[in-house]
Amino acid sequence: GLMAAKVYKQISLQNLEKTEIDIKELVTRNYYLVLLTEETKKTLIKNYRNTQKTYLETRAMFEQGFVEETDVDQLKVTLTTLNNSINSMERQEKLSRNMLKFQMGLDLEASVSLSDSLYGILGEINLQPLAVNNFNIDNNIDYNIIETQVELASLDLKREKTEYFPNLSVTYMNNWNAMRDKFSFFDTDEKWYRSEMLGFTLNIPVFSSGSKRSKISQKKIELEKIIDNQKLFRQSLEMENQQARFDYNTALEKYMSENENVKLAERILEKT
């Protein structure tokens, strides 16, 4: 009925919202992936140049007999490895850009320039451990869709149960009859005779087939399955939230530690 139509419309709107959220998430992920590959390539190039400088210095020392040839060879291997990594990262960057353009609906040959940098974004984010759980499951679109499916299944079960309810129908007829044996229907002096009929029909289902009871049982099972899936999905979301919080805090600790190590290494490099 009308309630079911409203619920179907609600599901359609929720599916549309889910599609929009999924697209935004994909675009965001690919956007950050491009920034990450760019920054990784810069770091590799910087390492290559520093290693190349060390290689040239070590080779000069080898020619003077101050170091072993294996020291030169090891640095040469490192240079080759870094060069391969740079080439691989360039290909990865191109692939990430094409994926970003594809998700945004742009032509793959279009030129895209990102206005942000990875460290610029990190500088704007409040990098603090997540101590408070602000997760609200009611804001999850997938969970909202399941809730609507429960509502729709409940309405479907109620519809099947109404087949057992008494059914009252009303019939009304209003007729005018000329009661003449000649065609003089447009003669205004002749009389017309009116007749009315009002009827009621009450249908009480005393006996019902087994198929009707089977349909109701089937609808009950379908509703119970959806409710069980809803409970499992809720638990799954809560576990994913806990895991995401754990992963974030672990990654943050690792980032802070490695960031300090990089600063320390840069200070040592400047003094040598």
Protein backbone atom coordinates (compact mmCIF):
# COMPACT_ATOMS: atom_id res chain seq x y z
CA GLY A 1 0.00 0.00 0.00
CA LEU A 2 0.94 3.60 0.58
CA MET A 3 3.33 2.76 3.42
CA ALA A 4 5.18 0.21 1.28
CA ALA A 5 5.51 2.76 -1.54
CA LYS A 6 7.08 5.24 0.89
CA VAL A 7 9.52 2.60 2.13
CA TYR A 8 10.48 1.63 -1.45
CA LYS A 9 11.13 5.31 -2.20
CA GLN A 10 13.25 5.58 0.95
CA ILE A 11 15.36 2.58 -0.13
CA SER A 12 15.88 4.15 -3.57
CA LEU A 13 17.07 7.40 -2.00
CA GLN A 14 19.35 5.52 0.39
CA ASN A 15 20.88 3.51 -2.47
CA LEU A 16 21.50 6.78 -4.32
CA GLU A 17 23.16 8.24 -1.23
CA LYS A 18 25.31 5.11 -0.85
CA THR A 19 26.46 5.40 -4.48
CA GLU A 20 27.46 9.03 -3.92
CA ILE A 21 29.35 8.13 -0.72
CA ASP A 22 31.17 5.25 -2.44
CA ILE A 23 32.23 7.47 -5.35
CA LYS A 24 33.50 10.19 -2.99
CA GLU A 25 35.46 7.59 -1.03
CA LEU A 26 37.06 6.16 -4.18
CA VAL A 27 38.01 9.62 -5.45
CA THR A 28 39.45 10.58 -2.06
CA ARG A 29 41.48 7.37 -1.80
CA ASN A 30 42.93 7.80 -5.30
CA TYR A 31 43.63 11.49 -4.65
CA TYR A 32 45.70 10.66 -1.58
CA LEU A 33 47.35 7.78 -3.42
CA VAL A 34 48.59 10.19 -6.11
CA LEU A 35 49.97 12.51 -3.41
CA LEU A 36 51.65 9.55 -1.72
CA THR A 37 53.31 8.32 -4.92
CA GLU A 38 54.50 11.85 -5.69
CA GLU A 39 56.07 12.23 -2.25
CA THR A 40 57.59 8.75 -2.39
CA LYS A 41 59.15 9.52 -5.77
CA LYS A 42 60.63 12.76 -4.40
CA THR A 43 62.13 10.87 -1.47
CA LEU A 44 63.61 8.22 -3.76
CA ILE A 45 65.13 10.88 -6.03
CA LYS A 46 66.62 12.63 -3.00
CA ASN A 47 68.06 9.35 -1.74
CA TYR A 48 69.45 8.60 -5.20
CA ARG A 49 71.26 11.94 -5.36
CA ASN A 50 72.71 11.54 -1.86
CA THR A 51 73.81 7.99 -2.63
CA GLN A 52 75.29 9.10 -5.95
CA LYS A 53 77.32 11.75 -4.14
CA THR A 54 78.55 9.16 -1.65
CA TYR A 55 79.33 6.78 -4.51
CA LEU A 56 81.49 9.33 -6.32
CA GLU A 57 83.33 10.18 -3.12
CA THR A 58 83.87 6.50 -2.28
CA ARG A 59 85.10 5.71 -5.78
CA ALA A 60 87.61 8.55 -5.54
CA MET A 61 88.79 7.17 -2.19
CA PHE A 62 89.09 3.71 -3.77
CA GLU A 63 91.27 5.09 -6.53
CA GLN A 64 93.51 6.50 -3.80
CA GLY A 65 93.55 3.13 -2.06
CA PHE A 66 91.65 4.17 1.06
CA VAL A 67 88.63 1.83 0.69
CA GLU A 68 87.90 -1.61 -0.71
CA GLU A 69 86.40 -2.15 -4.15
CA THR A 70 83.45 -3.95 -2.54
CA ASP A 71 82.45 -0.67 -0.88
CA VAL A 72 82.18 0.92 -4.31
CA ASP A 73 80.29 -2.05 -5.73
CA GLN A 74 77.76 -2.01 -2.88
CA LEU A 75 76.99 1.65 -3.49
CA LYS A 76 76.69 0.98 -7.22
CA VAL A 77 74.14 -1.77 -6.53
CA THR A 78 72.25 0.60 -4.25
CA LEU A 79 72.15 3.22 -7.02
CA THR A 80 70.76 0.68 -9.48
CA THR A 81 68.09 -0.41 -6.99
CA LEU A 82 67.08 3.19 -6.30
CA ASN A 83 66.90 3.95 -10.02
CA ASN A 84 64.61 0.95 -10.57
CA SER A 85 62.44 2.07 -7.66
CA ILE A 86 62.14 5.57 -9.14
CA ASN A 87 61.06 4.17 -12.52
CA SER A 88 58.55 1.89 -10.82
CA MET A 89 57.14 4.78 -8.76
CA GLU A 90 56.78 6.92 -11.90
CA ARG A 91 54.68 4.19 -13.49
CA GLN A 92 52.66 3.85 -10.28
CA GLU A 93 52.07 7.60 -10.21
CA LYS A 94 50.81 7.57 -13.80
CA LEU A 95 48.49 4.65 -13.04
CA SER A 96 47.17 6.39 -9.92
CA ARG A 97 46.49 9.59 -11.86
CA ASN A 98 44.62 7.68 -14.56
CA MET A 99 42.56 5.91 -11.91
CA LEU A 100 41.74 9.27 -10.30
CA LYS A 101 40.66 10.73 -13.65
CA PHE A 102 38.56 7.64 -14.35
CA GLN A 103 36.77 7.91 -10.99
CA MET A 104 36.12 11.62 -11.62
CA GLY A 105 34.72 10.93 -15.08
CA LEU A 106 37.55 12.75 -16.88
CA ASP A 107 39.28 11.75 -20.08
CA LEU A 108 42.48 9.79 -19.45
CA GLU A 109 44.37 12.23 -21.69
CA ALA A 110 43.21 15.22 -19.62
CA SER A 111 45.80 17.09 -17.60
CA VAL A 112 45.18 17.07 -13.84
CA SER A 113 47.21 19.12 -11.38
CA LEU A 114 46.76 18.51 -7.65
CA SER A 115 46.80 21.66 -5.53
CA ASP A 116 47.61 19.86 -2.27
CA SER A 117 50.71 18.14 -0.98
CA LEU A 118 50.87 15.17 1.37
CA TYR A 119 52.74 17.05 4.09
CA GLY A 120 50.48 20.07 3.61
CA ILE A 121 47.42 17.94 4.35
CA LEU A 122 49.16 16.29 7.31
CA GLY A 123 49.94 19.74 8.67
CA GLU A 124 46.26 20.70 8.62
CA ILE A 125 45.11 17.51 10.35
CA ASN A 126 44.99 17.32 14.11
CA LEU A 127 47.20 14.26 14.52
CA GLN A 128 46.14 13.12 17.96
CA PRO A 129 45.42 9.61 19.28
CA LEU A 130 41.74 8.66 19.17
CA ALA A 131 40.87 8.35 22.84
CA VAL A 132 37.12 9.02 22.56
CA ASN A 133 34.86 6.80 20.47
CA ASN A 134 32.62 9.13 18.48
CA PHE A 135 31.36 6.41 16.15
CA ASN A 136 27.60 6.58 15.58
CA ILE A 137 26.27 3.54 13.78
CA ASP A 138 23.07 5.37 12.83
CA ASN A 139 25.13 7.53 10.46
CA ASN A 140 26.23 4.48 8.47
CA ILE A 141 24.30 4.33 5.19
CA ASP A 142 24.63 0.54 4.85
CA TYR A 143 23.11 0.06 8.31
CA ASN A 144 20.31 2.50 7.43
CA ILE A 145 19.50 0.46 4.33
CA ILE A 146 19.21 -2.72 6.41
CA GLU A 147 16.90 -0.89 8.84
CA THR A 148 14.67 0.07 5.92
CA GLN A 149 14.71 -3.53 4.68
CA VAL A 150 13.49 -4.65 8.12
CA GLU A 151 10.66 -2.13 7.90
CA LEU A 152 9.73 -3.31 4.41
CA ALA A 153 9.76 -6.98 5.45
CA SER A 154 7.51 -6.14 8.42
CA LEU A 155 5.02 -4.45 6.11
CA ASP A 156 5.14 -7.43 3.78
CA LEU A 157 4.32 -9.77 6.68
CA LYS A 158 1.43 -7.54 7.79
CA ARG A 159 0.06 -7.57 4.25
CA GLU A 160 -0.01 -11.37 4.22
CA LYS A 161 -1.73 -11.44 7.63
CA THR A 162 -4.50 -9.12 6.42
CA GLU A 163 -5.70 -11.94 4.17
CA TYR A 164 -7.25 -13.45 7.33
CA PHE A 165 -9.16 -10.26 8.17
CA PRO A 166 -12.90 -9.90 7.33
CA ASN A 167 -13.48 -7.99 4.12
CA LEU A 168 -16.42 -5.57 3.80
CA SER A 169 -17.35 -4.16 0.40
CA VAL A 170 -20.07 -1.60 -0.41
CA THR A 171 -22.01 -1.38 -3.69
CA TYR A 172 -24.19 1.57 -4.70
CA MET A 173 -26.20 1.97 -7.92
CA ASN A 174 -28.36 4.91 -9.07
CA ASN A 175 -30.50 4.47 -12.24
CA TRP A 176 -33.13 6.48 -14.11
CA ASN A 177 -35.61 4.61 -16.35
CA ALA A 178 -38.13 6.03 -18.82
CA MET A 179 -40.41 2.95 -18.66
CA ARG A 180 -41.68 3.64 -22.22
CA ASP A 181 -42.01 1.45 -25.28
CA LYS A 182 -41.30 4.23 -27.77
CA PHE A 183 -38.23 6.37 -28.42
CA SER A 184 -39.15 9.65 -26.76
CA PHE A 185 -36.27 10.07 -24.37
CA PHE A 186 -35.81 13.74 -25.21
CA ASP A 187 -39.41 14.68 -24.53
CA THR A 188 -39.29 16.85 -21.41
CA ASP A 189 -42.97 16.34 -20.67
CA GLU A 190 -42.56 12.63 -20.11
CA LYS A 191 -41.70 11.30 -16.64
CA TRP A 192 -38.56 9.43 -15.57
CA TYR A 193 -38.46 6.88 -12.76
CA ARG A 194 -35.52 6.68 -10.40
CA SER A 195 -34.21 3.52 -8.75
CA GLU A 196 -31.39 3.10 -6.23
CA MET A 197 -29.64 0.11 -4.75
CA LEU A 198 -27.24 -0.04 -1.82
CA GLY A 199 -25.58 -3.35 -1.02
CA PHE A 200 -23.05 -4.67 1.48
CA THR A 201 -20.91 -7.78 1.14
CA LEU A 202 -19.08 -9.15 4.18
CA ASN A 203 -16.47 -11.82 3.51
CA ILE A 204 -15.29 -13.73 6.59
CA PRO A 205 -12.50 -16.24 5.79
CA VAL A 206 -13.51 -19.20 7.94
CA PHE A 207 -11.45 -21.74 6.02
CA SER A 208 -8.11 -21.00 4.40
CA SER A 209 -5.75 -23.07 2.33
CA GLY A 210 -2.39 -24.27 3.57
CA SER A 211 -0.63 -22.10 0.99
CA LYS A 212 -1.75 -18.95 2.80
CA ARG A 213 -0.32 -20.13 6.11
CA SER A 214 2.83 -21.18 4.28
CA LYS A 215 3.24 -17.69 2.82
CA ILE A 216 2.91 -16.11 6.26
CA SER A 217 5.48 -18.51 7.70
CA GLN A 218 7.83 -17.74 4.83
CA LYS A 219 7.47 -13.98 5.40
CA LYS A 220 8.18 -14.46 9.11
CA ILE A 221 11.36 -16.39 8.30
CA GLU A 222 12.47 -13.70 5.84
CA LEU A 223 11.91 -11.00 8.46
CA GLU A 224 13.84 -12.95 11.10
CA LYS A 225 16.74 -13.45 8.66
CA ILE A 226 16.96 -9.73 7.95
CA ILE A 227 16.85 -8.92 11.68
CA ASP A 228 19.62 -11.46 12.34
CA ASN A 229 21.68 -9.95 9.51
CA GLN A 230 21.10 -6.53 11.01
CA LYS A 231 22.48 -7.65 14.38
CA LEU A 232 25.51 -9.31 12.76
CA PHE A 233 26.19 -6.27 10.60
CA ARG A 234 25.98 -3.98 13.64
CA GLN A 235 28.55 -6.12 15.47
CA SER A 236 30.72 -6.16 12.36
CA LEU A 237 30.66 -2.36 12.11
CA GLU A 238 31.57 -1.99 15.78
CA MET A 239 34.51 -4.39 15.34
CA GLU A 240 35.65 -2.54 12.20
CA ASN A 241 35.49 0.72 14.13
CA GLN A 242 37.65 -0.70 16.92
CA GLN A 243 40.14 -2.11 14.41
CA ALA A 244 40.27 1.20 12.51
CA ARG A 245 40.94 3.10 15.74
CA PHE A 246 43.69 0.63 16.66
CA ASP A 247 45.29 0.85 13.20
CA TYR A 248 45.14 4.64 13.25
CA ASN A 249 46.78 4.96 16.67
CA THR A 250 49.48 2.43 15.70
CA ALA A 251 50.17 4.21 12.40
CA LEU A 252 50.27 7.58 14.18
CA GLU A 253 52.83 6.33 16.71
CA LYS A 254 54.94 4.88 13.90
CA TYR A 255 54.70 8.11 11.89
CA MET A 256 55.73 10.27 14.85
CA SER A 257 58.68 7.98 15.64
CA GLU A 258 59.93 7.77 12.06
CA ASN A 259 59.45 11.51 11.59
CA GLU A 260 61.79 12.13 14.52
CA ASN A 261 64.28 9.64 13.06
CA VAL A 262 64.25 11.49 9.74
CA LYS A 263 64.90 14.82 11.44
CA LEU A 264 67.77 13.26 13.41
CA ALA A 265 69.27 11.74 10.27
CA GLU A 266 69.06 15.08 8.45
CA ARG A 267 70.88 16.84 11.31
CA ILE A 268 73.62 14.20 11.25
CA LEU A 269 73.91 14.50 7.46
CA GLU A 270 74.28 18.27 7.66
CA LYS A 271 77.17 17.95 10.13
CA THR A 272 79.09 15.36 8.09
